[in-house]
Amino acid sequence: RIVKNDRNYGFAEGCNIGIRDALSRGADYVLLLNNDTTVAPDFLSIMVDAAEKDEKIGLLAPVIYYYNEPEVVWEAGGSVNWWLGGIRMNTQLKAVCDRDAIVDTGLLSGAAMLITRGLLEKISLLNSSFFFGFEDYDFCIRAHKAGYRVVLVPGARIWHKVGRARGKLSEHPETRAKVLSAQGLFEIKLRCKLFRKHAVMPPYPIPIVMYFLVYWPMTGARLLLRGDFAVLWRRIKGIVRDLYNLRASAS
């Protein structure tokens, strides 16, 4: 079943349109899955089996591997550092990767996320004001606050062609402009929105100030010491790109 929208509503609201349609037809679960992924044949049944074990489980995700490096983990859950304003997605899989493993985590990626009907009825849909980015983290935090478990299911596996969707933005100038406007320099607008909404201790804006003064420089230094020059270079290029786009939009 295909739902054709009249325009690009962004990732969050685009998902919401599909979620509403699924719920209207009696779905017990909704799966968000990026179109630049391939999946193991049993990944969905493994996650549904895990969800059936505990009614307090509201969000589940598989382990996401790189498509071009199928044994290398891209994301396996994550966490928020509320003091330093950092968001860290795990790239090391320490859990036992068997069919029955369920690992509680702070955050999941919207690239692949199974949502229970109960959670959607409790906390509603994705926050469309994020447009493209951070809406999945916001949803996970809201699920935690509502008393639901957010879990990683290591036995479920998918492979992601990382960055393929963002790479196509240059072909769609209007959408690209909206994404850049929503993100702003260093994605500060979305990060501020997330921490302003959810930070309690320490109170906002302390985490954002600490992010730019401490967390971001520490991350760059750690990449440098580890010799991850390719990752560091991509981040530097991202900063230069954002500065250029900010200057272009102001002129």
C-alpha atoms as a PDB file:
ATOM      1  CA  ARG A   1       0.000   0.000   0.000  1.00  0.00           C
ATOM      2  CA  ILE A   2       1.515   3.314  -1.077  1.00  0.00           C
ATOM      3  CA  VAL A   3       0.514   6.708   0.330  1.00  0.00           C
ATOM      4  CA  LYS A   4       1.459   9.532  -2.014  1.00  0.00           C
ATOM      5  CA  ASN A   5       1.921  12.932  -0.370  1.00  0.00           C
ATOM      6  CA  ASP A   6       1.292  16.212  -2.146  1.00  0.00           C
ATOM      7  CA  ARG A   7       4.647  17.609  -0.982  1.00  0.00           C
ATOM      8  CA  ASN A   8       7.693  16.804   1.130  1.00  0.00           C
ATOM      9  CA  TYR A   9       6.638  17.070   4.763  1.00  0.00           C
ATOM     10  CA  GLY A  10      10.035  16.060   6.141  1.00  0.00           C
ATOM     11  CA  PHE A  11      11.060  12.775   7.731  1.00  0.00           C
ATOM     12  CA  ALA A  12       9.054  13.074  10.942  1.00  0.00           C
ATOM     13  CA  GLU A  13       5.716  14.086   9.429  1.00  0.00           C
ATOM     14  CA  GLY A  14       6.245  11.772   6.464  1.00  0.00           C
ATOM     15  CA  CYS A  15       6.491   8.916   8.973  1.00  0.00           C
ATOM     16  CA  ASN A  16       3.466  10.235  10.867  1.00  0.00           C
ATOM     17  CA  ILE A  17       1.317  10.096   7.746  1.00  0.00           C
ATOM     18  CA  GLY A  18       2.191   6.442   7.313  1.00  0.00           C
ATOM     19  CA  ILE A  19       1.698   5.731  11.028  1.00  0.00           C
ATOM     20  CA  ARG A  20      -1.791   7.244  11.009  1.00  0.00           C
ATOM     21  CA  ASP A  21      -2.721   5.121   8.013  1.00  0.00           C
ATOM     22  CA  ALA A  22      -1.391   1.951   9.656  1.00  0.00           C
ATOM     23  CA  LEU A  23      -3.188   2.620  12.944  1.00  0.00           C
ATOM     24  CA  SER A  24      -6.447   3.343  11.130  1.00  0.00           C
ATOM     25  CA  ARG A  25      -6.260  -0.178   9.694  1.00  0.00           C
ATOM     26  CA  GLY A  26      -5.722  -1.811  13.073  1.00  0.00           C
ATOM     27  CA  ALA A  27      -1.937  -2.269  13.175  1.00  0.00           C
ATOM     28  CA  ASP A  28      -0.515  -3.525  16.488  1.00  0.00           C
ATOM     29  CA  TYR A  29       3.003  -2.462  15.480  1.00  0.00           C
ATOM     30  CA  VAL A  30       4.487   0.135  13.144  1.00  0.00           C
ATOM     31  CA  LEU A  31       7.917  -0.310  11.591  1.00  0.00           C
ATOM     32  CA  LEU A  32       9.916   2.723  10.469  1.00  0.00           C
ATOM     33  CA  LEU A  33      12.564   1.598   7.996  1.00  0.00           C
ATOM     34  CA  ASN A  34      14.797   3.711   5.777  1.00  0.00           C
ATOM     35  CA  ASN A  35      14.621   2.927   2.091  1.00  0.00           C
ATOM     36  CA  ASP A  36      18.417   2.677   1.855  1.00  0.00           C
ATOM     37  CA  THR A  37      18.579  -0.506   3.954  1.00  0.00           C
ATOM     38  CA  THR A  38      18.578  -4.235   3.401  1.00  0.00           C
ATOM     39  CA  VAL A  39      17.355  -6.604   6.101  1.00  0.00           C
ATOM     40  CA  ALA A  40      17.818 -10.121   7.420  1.00  0.00           C
ATOM     41  CA  PRO A  41      14.746 -12.254   6.556  1.00  0.00           C
ATOM     42  CA  ASP A  42      13.837 -12.811  10.216  1.00  0.00           C
ATOM     43  CA  PHE A  43      14.693  -9.373  11.648  1.00  0.00           C
ATOM     44  CA  LEU A  44      11.061  -8.316  12.064  1.00  0.00           C
ATOM     45  CA  SER A  45       9.772 -11.562  13.591  1.00  0.00           C
ATOM     46  CA  ILE A  46      12.638 -11.491  16.104  1.00  0.00           C
ATOM     47  CA  MET A  47      11.694  -7.974  17.216  1.00  0.00           C
ATOM     48  CA  VAL A  48       7.973  -8.774  17.428  1.00  0.00           C
ATOM     49  CA  ASP A  49       8.773 -11.866  19.530  1.00  0.00           C
ATOM     50  CA  ALA A  50      10.825  -9.645  21.853  1.00  0.00           C
ATOM     51  CA  ALA A  51       8.010  -7.077  22.136  1.00  0.00           C
ATOM     52  CA  GLU A  52       5.510  -9.783  23.058  1.00  0.00           C
ATOM     53  CA  LYS A  53       7.560 -10.712  26.133  1.00  0.00           C
ATOM     54  CA  ASP A  54       6.891  -7.447  28.001  1.00  0.00           C
ATOM     55  CA  GLU A  55       4.007  -5.016  27.526  1.00  0.00           C
ATOM     56  CA  LYS A  56       6.207  -2.198  28.838  1.00  0.00           C
ATOM     57  CA  ILE A  57       8.444  -2.459  25.774  1.00  0.00           C
ATOM     58  CA  GLY A  58       7.404   0.406  23.513  1.00  0.00           C
ATOM     59  CA  LEU A  59      10.302   0.842  21.101  1.00  0.00           C
ATOM     60  CA  LEU A  60      12.620  -1.747  19.572  1.00  0.00           C
ATOM     61  CA  ALA A  61      15.417  -1.660  17.032  1.00  0.00           C
ATOM     62  CA  PRO A  62      17.747  -4.106  15.312  1.00  0.00           C
ATOM     63  CA  VAL A  63      21.504  -3.764  15.235  1.00  0.00           C
ATOM     64  CA  ILE A  64      22.359  -1.659  12.185  1.00  0.00           C
ATOM     65  CA  TYR A  65      25.472  -2.591  10.215  1.00  0.00           C
ATOM     66  CA  TYR A  66      27.200  -0.782   7.374  1.00  0.00           C
ATOM     67  CA  TYR A  67      26.011  -2.013   3.985  1.00  0.00           C
ATOM     68  CA  ASN A  68      29.519  -1.833   2.531  1.00  0.00           C
ATOM     69  CA  GLU A  69      31.094  -3.439   5.626  1.00  0.00           C
ATOM     70  CA  PRO A  70      28.454  -6.002   6.663  1.00  0.00           C
ATOM     71  CA  GLU A  71      30.175  -7.066   9.898  1.00  0.00           C
ATOM     72  CA  VAL A  72      30.873  -3.537  11.156  1.00  0.00           C
ATOM     73  CA  VAL A  73      28.260  -1.980  13.435  1.00  0.00           C
ATOM     74  CA  TRP A  74      26.930   1.454  12.466  1.00  0.00           C
ATOM     75  CA  GLU A  75      24.522   1.885  15.393  1.00  0.00           C
ATOM     76  CA  ALA A  76      23.489  -0.315  18.300  1.00  0.00           C
ATOM     77  CA  GLY A  77      21.517   1.905  20.640  1.00  0.00           C
ATOM     78  CA  GLY A  78      22.836   5.030  22.296  1.00  0.00           C
ATOM     79  CA  SER A  79      22.640   7.482  25.179  1.00  0.00           C
ATOM     80  CA  VAL A  80      22.405  11.178  26.073  1.00  0.00           C
ATOM     81  CA  ASN A  81      24.960  12.951  28.213  1.00  0.00           C
ATOM     82  CA  TRP A  82      22.716  15.511  29.877  1.00  0.00           C
ATOM     83  CA  TRP A  83      25.610  17.378  31.477  1.00  0.00           C
ATOM     84  CA  LEU A  84      27.784  17.789  28.387  1.00  0.00           C
ATOM     85  CA  GLY A  85      25.021  18.025  25.792  1.00  0.00           C
ATOM     86  CA  GLY A  86      26.362  15.039  23.905  1.00  0.00           C
ATOM     87  CA  ILE A  87      24.551  12.261  22.074  1.00  0.00           C
ATOM     88  CA  ARG A  88      26.499   9.041  21.646  1.00  0.00           C
ATOM     89  CA  MET A  89      25.363   6.168  19.443  1.00  0.00           C
ATOM     90  CA  ASN A  90      27.072   2.852  20.179  1.00  0.00           C
ATOM     91  CA  THR A  91      29.256   1.264  17.536  1.00  0.00           C
ATOM     92  CA  GLN A  92      30.465  -1.622  19.692  1.00  0.00           C
ATOM     93  CA  LEU A  93      28.165  -4.584  20.226  1.00  0.00           C
ATOM     94  CA  LYS A  94      28.882  -6.001  23.675  1.00  0.00           C
ATOM     95  CA  ALA A  95      25.593  -7.862  24.141  1.00  0.00           C
ATOM     96  CA  VAL A  96      25.317 -11.537  23.331  1.00  0.00           C
ATOM     97  CA  CYS A  97      23.951 -11.673  19.797  1.00  0.00           C
ATOM     98  CA  ASP A  98      21.373 -14.430  20.151  1.00  0.00           C
ATOM     99  CA  ARG A  99      17.690 -14.510  19.264  1.00  0.00           C
ATOM    100  CA  ASP A 100      16.509 -13.952  22.835  1.00  0.00           C
ATOM    101  CA  ALA A 101      18.730 -10.995  23.748  1.00  0.00           C
ATOM    102  CA  ILE A 102      16.987  -7.760  24.720  1.00  0.00           C
ATOM    103  CA  VAL A 103      19.156  -4.814  25.791  1.00  0.00           C
ATOM    104  CA  ASP A 104      17.690  -1.660  27.348  1.00  0.00           C
ATOM    105  CA  THR A 105      19.128   1.508  25.838  1.00  0.00           C
ATOM    106  CA  GLY A 106      18.614   5.243  25.946  1.00  0.00           C
ATOM    107  CA  LEU A 107      18.279   6.016  22.253  1.00  0.00           C
ATOM    108  CA  LEU A 108      17.494   4.257  18.988  1.00  0.00           C
ATOM    109  CA  SER A 109      17.938   5.341  15.392  1.00  0.00           C
ATOM    110  CA  GLY A 110      14.903   6.201  13.298  1.00  0.00           C
ATOM    111  CA  ALA A 111      16.558   4.349  10.413  1.00  0.00           C
ATOM    112  CA  ALA A 112      14.931   1.197  11.789  1.00  0.00           C
ATOM    113  CA  MET A 113      12.471   1.386  14.662  1.00  0.00           C
ATOM    114  CA  LEU A 114       9.566  -0.871  15.659  1.00  0.00           C
ATOM    115  CA  ILE A 115       6.871   0.976  17.644  1.00  0.00           C
ATOM    116  CA  THR A 116       4.027  -0.610  19.588  1.00  0.00           C
ATOM    117  CA  ARG A 117       0.489   0.652  19.226  1.00  0.00           C
ATOM    118  CA  GLY A 118       0.291   1.122  22.987  1.00  0.00           C
ATOM    119  CA  LEU A 119       3.197   3.568  22.960  1.00  0.00           C
ATOM    120  CA  LEU A 120       1.741   5.563  20.065  1.00  0.00           C
ATOM    121  CA  GLU A 121      -1.609   5.812  21.842  1.00  0.00           C
ATOM    122  CA  LYS A 122       0.188   6.968  24.992  1.00  0.00           C
ATOM    123  CA  ILE A 123       2.647   9.580  23.676  1.00  0.00           C
ATOM    124  CA  SER A 124       1.309  10.250  20.143  1.00  0.00           C
ATOM    125  CA  LEU A 125       3.443  10.575  17.002  1.00  0.00           C
ATOM    126  CA  LEU A 126       6.880  11.914  16.068  1.00  0.00           C
ATOM    127  CA  ASN A 127       7.447  15.630  16.627  1.00  0.00           C
ATOM    128  CA  SER A 128       7.133  17.065  13.108  1.00  0.00           C
ATOM    129  CA  SER A 129       8.780  20.365  14.089  1.00  0.00           C
ATOM    130  CA  PHE A 130      12.181  18.631  13.899  1.00  0.00           C
ATOM    131  CA  PHE A 131      11.569  18.034  10.157  1.00  0.00           C
ATOM    132  CA  PHE A 132      14.710  15.919   9.531  1.00  0.00           C
ATOM    133  CA  GLY A 133      16.954  14.944  12.430  1.00  0.00           C
ATOM    134  CA  PHE A 134      16.683  14.444  16.213  1.00  0.00           C
ATOM    135  CA  GLU A 135      13.013  13.447  15.972  1.00  0.00           C
ATOM    136  CA  ASP A 136      13.962   9.824  16.740  1.00  0.00           C
ATOM    137  CA  TYR A 137      15.920  10.848  19.856  1.00  0.00           C
ATOM    138  CA  ASP A 138      13.035  13.020  21.016  1.00  0.00           C
ATOM    139  CA  PHE A 139      10.644  10.089  20.545  1.00  0.00           C
ATOM    140  CA  CYS A 140      12.878   7.753  22.582  1.00  0.00           C
ATOM    141  CA  ILE A 141      13.142  10.254  25.445  1.00  0.00           C
ATOM    142  CA  ARG A 142       9.373  10.710  25.469  1.00  0.00           C
ATOM    143  CA  ALA A 143       8.918   6.929  25.589  1.00  0.00           C
ATOM    144  CA  HIS A 144      11.219   6.702  28.628  1.00  0.00           C
ATOM    145  CA  LYS A 145       9.353   9.504  30.370  1.00  0.00           C
ATOM    146  CA  ALA A 146       6.071   7.659  29.787  1.00  0.00           C
ATOM    147  CA  GLY A 147       7.468   4.587  31.569  1.00  0.00           C
ATOM    148  CA  TYR A 148       8.119   2.432  28.500  1.00  0.00           C
ATOM    149  CA  ARG A 149      11.233   0.383  27.767  1.00  0.00           C
ATOM    150  CA  VAL A 150      13.379   1.290  24.757  1.00  0.00           C
ATOM    151  CA  VAL A 151      15.339  -1.771  23.698  1.00  0.00           C
ATOM    152  CA  LEU A 152      17.903  -3.060  21.239  1.00  0.00           C
ATOM    153  CA  VAL A 153      17.382  -6.589  19.893  1.00  0.00           C
ATOM    154  CA  PRO A 154      20.850  -7.845  18.847  1.00  0.00           C
ATOM    155  CA  GLY A 155      19.457 -10.940  17.141  1.00  0.00           C
ATOM    156  CA  ALA A 156      17.739  -8.691  14.582  1.00  0.00           C
ATOM    157  CA  ARG A 157      20.088  -7.365  11.896  1.00  0.00           C
ATOM    158  CA  ILE A 158      19.871  -4.859   9.040  1.00  0.00           C
ATOM    159  CA  TRP A 159      22.433  -3.129   6.799  1.00  0.00           C
ATOM    160  CA  HIS A 160      22.361   0.605   6.065  1.00  0.00           C
ATOM    161  CA  LYS A 161      23.727   2.496   3.074  1.00  0.00           C
ATOM    162  CA  VAL A 162      24.700   5.346   5.380  1.00  0.00           C
ATOM    163  CA  GLY A 163      24.131   8.879   4.097  1.00  0.00           C
ATOM    164  CA  ARG A 164      22.460   7.819   0.842  1.00  0.00           C
ATOM    165  CA  ALA A 165      19.275   9.793   1.537  1.00  0.00           C
ATOM    166  CA  ARG A 166      21.129  12.956   2.605  1.00  0.00           C
ATOM    167  CA  GLY A 167      23.366  12.597  -0.439  1.00  0.00           C
ATOM    168  CA  LYS A 168      20.339  13.063  -2.714  1.00  0.00           C
ATOM    169  CA  LEU A 169      19.449  16.435  -1.199  1.00  0.00           C
ATOM    170  CA  SER A 170      21.449  18.254  -3.868  1.00  0.00           C
ATOM    171  CA  GLU A 171      18.937  16.951  -6.444  1.00  0.00           C
ATOM    172  CA  HIS A 172      16.061  18.634  -4.557  1.00  0.00           C
ATOM    173  CA  PRO A 173      16.949  22.289  -3.818  1.00  0.00           C
ATOM    174  CA  GLU A 174      13.722  23.170  -1.972  1.00  0.00           C
ATOM    175  CA  THR A 175      13.984  20.223   0.414  1.00  0.00           C
ATOM    176  CA  ARG A 176      17.706  20.834   0.881  1.00  0.00           C
ATOM    177  CA  ALA A 177      16.982  24.430   1.884  1.00  0.00           C
ATOM    178  CA  LYS A 178      14.423  23.287   4.450  1.00  0.00           C
ATOM    179  CA  VAL A 179      16.826  20.745   5.931  1.00  0.00           C
ATOM    180  CA  LEU A 180      19.654  23.269   6.179  1.00  0.00           C
ATOM    181  CA  SER A 181      17.293  25.826   7.695  1.00  0.00           C
ATOM    182  CA  ALA A 182      16.053  23.294  10.250  1.00  0.00           C
ATOM    183  CA  GLN A 183      19.570  22.266  11.217  1.00  0.00           C
ATOM    184  CA  GLY A 184      21.533  25.488  11.084  1.00  0.00           C
ATOM    185  CA  LEU A 185      25.179  25.787  12.078  1.00  0.00           C
ATOM    186  CA  PHE A 186      26.430  22.531  13.671  1.00  0.00           C
ATOM    187  CA  GLU A 187      22.774  21.415  13.849  1.00  0.00           C
ATOM    188  CA  ILE A 188      22.534  23.761  16.818  1.00  0.00           C
ATOM    189  CA  LYS A 189      18.873  24.585  16.277  1.00  0.00           C
ATOM    190  CA  LEU A 190      17.732  20.970  16.586  1.00  0.00           C
ATOM    191  CA  ARG A 191      20.110  20.175  19.421  1.00  0.00           C
ATOM    192  CA  CYS A 192      18.922  23.223  21.354  1.00  0.00           C
ATOM    193  CA  LYS A 193      15.303  22.227  20.737  1.00  0.00           C
ATOM    194  CA  LEU A 194      15.927  18.732  22.118  1.00  0.00           C
ATOM    195  CA  PHE A 195      17.757  19.858  25.250  1.00  0.00           C
ATOM    196  CA  ARG A 196      15.466  22.809  25.893  1.00  0.00           C
ATOM    197  CA  LYS A 197      12.521  20.420  25.840  1.00  0.00           C
ATOM    198  CA  HIS A 198      13.942  17.602  27.959  1.00  0.00           C
ATOM    199  CA  ALA A 199      16.908  18.783  30.057  1.00  0.00           C
ATOM    200  CA  VAL A 200      16.146  18.932  33.791  1.00  0.00           C
ATOM    201  CA  MET A 201      19.447  18.505  35.613  1.00  0.00           C
ATOM    202  CA  PRO A 202      21.442  20.416  34.680  1.00  0.00           C
ATOM    203  CA  PRO A 203      18.902  22.942  33.433  1.00  0.00           C
ATOM    204  CA  TYR A 204      19.014  24.233  29.882  1.00  0.00           C
ATOM    205  CA  PRO A 205      21.131  25.929  28.428  1.00  0.00           C
ATOM    206  CA  ILE A 206      24.029  24.506  30.474  1.00  0.00           C
ATOM    207  CA  PRO A 207      24.244  21.288  28.365  1.00  0.00           C
ATOM    208  CA  ILE A 208      24.457  23.272  25.120  1.00  0.00           C
ATOM    209  CA  VAL A 209      27.189  25.559  26.451  1.00  0.00           C
ATOM    210  CA  MET A 210      29.115  22.531  27.712  1.00  0.00           C
ATOM    211  CA  TYR A 211      28.654  20.788  24.361  1.00  0.00           C
ATOM    212  CA  PHE A 212      30.507  23.484  22.454  1.00  0.00           C
ATOM    213  CA  LEU A 213      33.076  24.243  25.145  1.00  0.00           C
ATOM    214  CA  VAL A 214      33.854  20.677  26.253  1.00  0.00           C
ATOM    215  CA  TYR A 215      32.120  17.797  24.482  1.00  0.00           C
ATOM    216  CA  TRP A 216      32.748  18.740  20.867  1.00  0.00           C
ATOM    217  CA  PRO A 217      36.468  19.572  21.367  1.00  0.00           C
ATOM    218  CA  MET A 218      36.908  16.354  23.391  1.00  0.00           C
ATOM    219  CA  THR A 219      35.327  14.320  20.594  1.00  0.00           C
ATOM    220  CA  GLY A 220      37.620  15.877  18.017  1.00  0.00           C
ATOM    221  CA  ALA A 221      40.685  15.258  20.186  1.00  0.00           C
ATOM    222  CA  ARG A 222      39.658  11.632  20.752  1.00  0.00           C
ATOM    223  CA  LEU A 223      39.303  11.060  17.009  1.00  0.00           C
ATOM    224  CA  LEU A 224      42.714  12.612  16.454  1.00  0.00           C
ATOM    225  CA  LEU A 225      44.383  10.452  19.118  1.00  0.00           C
ATOM    226  CA  ARG A 226      42.719   7.302  17.776  1.00  0.00           C
ATOM    227  CA  GLY A 227      43.868   8.110  14.268  1.00  0.00           C
ATOM    228  CA  ASP A 228      40.303   8.311  12.894  1.00  0.00           C
ATOM    229  CA  PHE A 229      41.355  10.981  10.452  1.00  0.00           C
ATOM    230  CA  ALA A 230      38.642  10.148   7.908  1.00  0.00           C
ATOM    231  CA  VAL A 231      35.872  10.704  10.477  1.00  0.00           C
ATOM    232  CA  LEU A 232      37.530  13.863  11.774  1.00  0.00           C
ATOM    233  CA  TRP A 233      37.893  15.175   8.232  1.00  0.00           C
ATOM    234  CA  ARG A 234      34.197  14.543   7.532  1.00  0.00           C
ATOM    235  CA  ARG A 235      33.284  16.531  10.658  1.00  0.00           C
ATOM    236  CA  ILE A 236      35.549  19.409   9.651  1.00  0.00           C
ATOM    237  CA  LYS A 237      34.009  19.420   6.176  1.00  0.00           C
ATOM    238  CA  GLY A 238      30.570  19.486   7.834  1.00  0.00           C
ATOM    239  CA  ILE A 239      31.528  22.599   9.810  1.00  0.00           C
ATOM    240  CA  VAL A 240      32.896  24.303   6.706  1.00  0.00           C
ATOM    241  CA  ARG A 241      29.749  23.359   4.772  1.00  0.00           C
ATOM    242  CA  ASP A 242      27.467  24.759   7.482  1.00  0.00           C
ATOM    243  CA  LEU A 243      29.475  27.981   7.708  1.00  0.00           C
ATOM    244  CA  TYR A 244      29.261  28.373   3.935  1.00  0.00           C
ATOM    245  CA  ASN A 245      25.527  27.720   3.874  1.00  0.00           C
ATOM    246  CA  LEU A 246      24.981  30.148   6.765  1.00  0.00           C
ATOM    247  CA  ARG A 247      26.910  32.824   4.892  1.00  0.00           C
ATOM    248  CA  ALA A 248      25.038  32.079   1.652  1.00  0.00           C
ATOM    249  CA  SER A 249      21.627  32.264   3.321  1.00  0.00           C
ATOM    250  CA  ALA A 250      22.521  35.603   4.936  1.00  0.00           C
ATOM    251  CA  SER A 251      23.663  37.183   1.648  1.00  0.00           C
END
